[in-house]
């Protein structure tokens, strides 16, 4: 198999994050850390050391250990990790969570893979945009084409799944971290 695609860009990768977003009808206060520990989904020590904890009727949010960030509101649950060694644990955590909510309706599940790439200078930044956006093909229409955003979407398959790839190159001084 030819090594192409993301392999070309691995040397630029600075950060990676994986998250799962579940849309449905939830009771957020149910998912507090100690309850998850009682169900053996997280360890008791992790539950007791959870930080940034907010629990109410409308929201449950916490971070546990150095690997898990959890958010649940009435119509959405988001579970994420920012560390590659924990990606398999994230999958297991999500499977166990879904098993706990059989009476709740899950409308959809999204798997998100986010990457941040660092480039040394504006020339490298342009080269990456040129490769992704095939900028040479636009030169007869645009005088100085640059890639600002790219969205690639796979049609809905037999499982009614939709895959979308969104790329937004931004210089590091424009990077906004919401995490």
Foldseek 3Di string as FASTA:
>chain_A
DDPDDCNVQVVFWDWKKKKKKWFWFDQALCPQLCNCCVVVLDPPVQRVPWPPFDHDRAWTWTDTDQFWTWIDGGTMIMIMGTDVVCPVSSVVSVVVVCVVPPVIDTDDMDMDMDTDGADDDVVVQQVVQCVVVVCVVCCVPDVDDGDAKDKDKDDQDPVRDIDMDIDGDDHPVPDDDPD
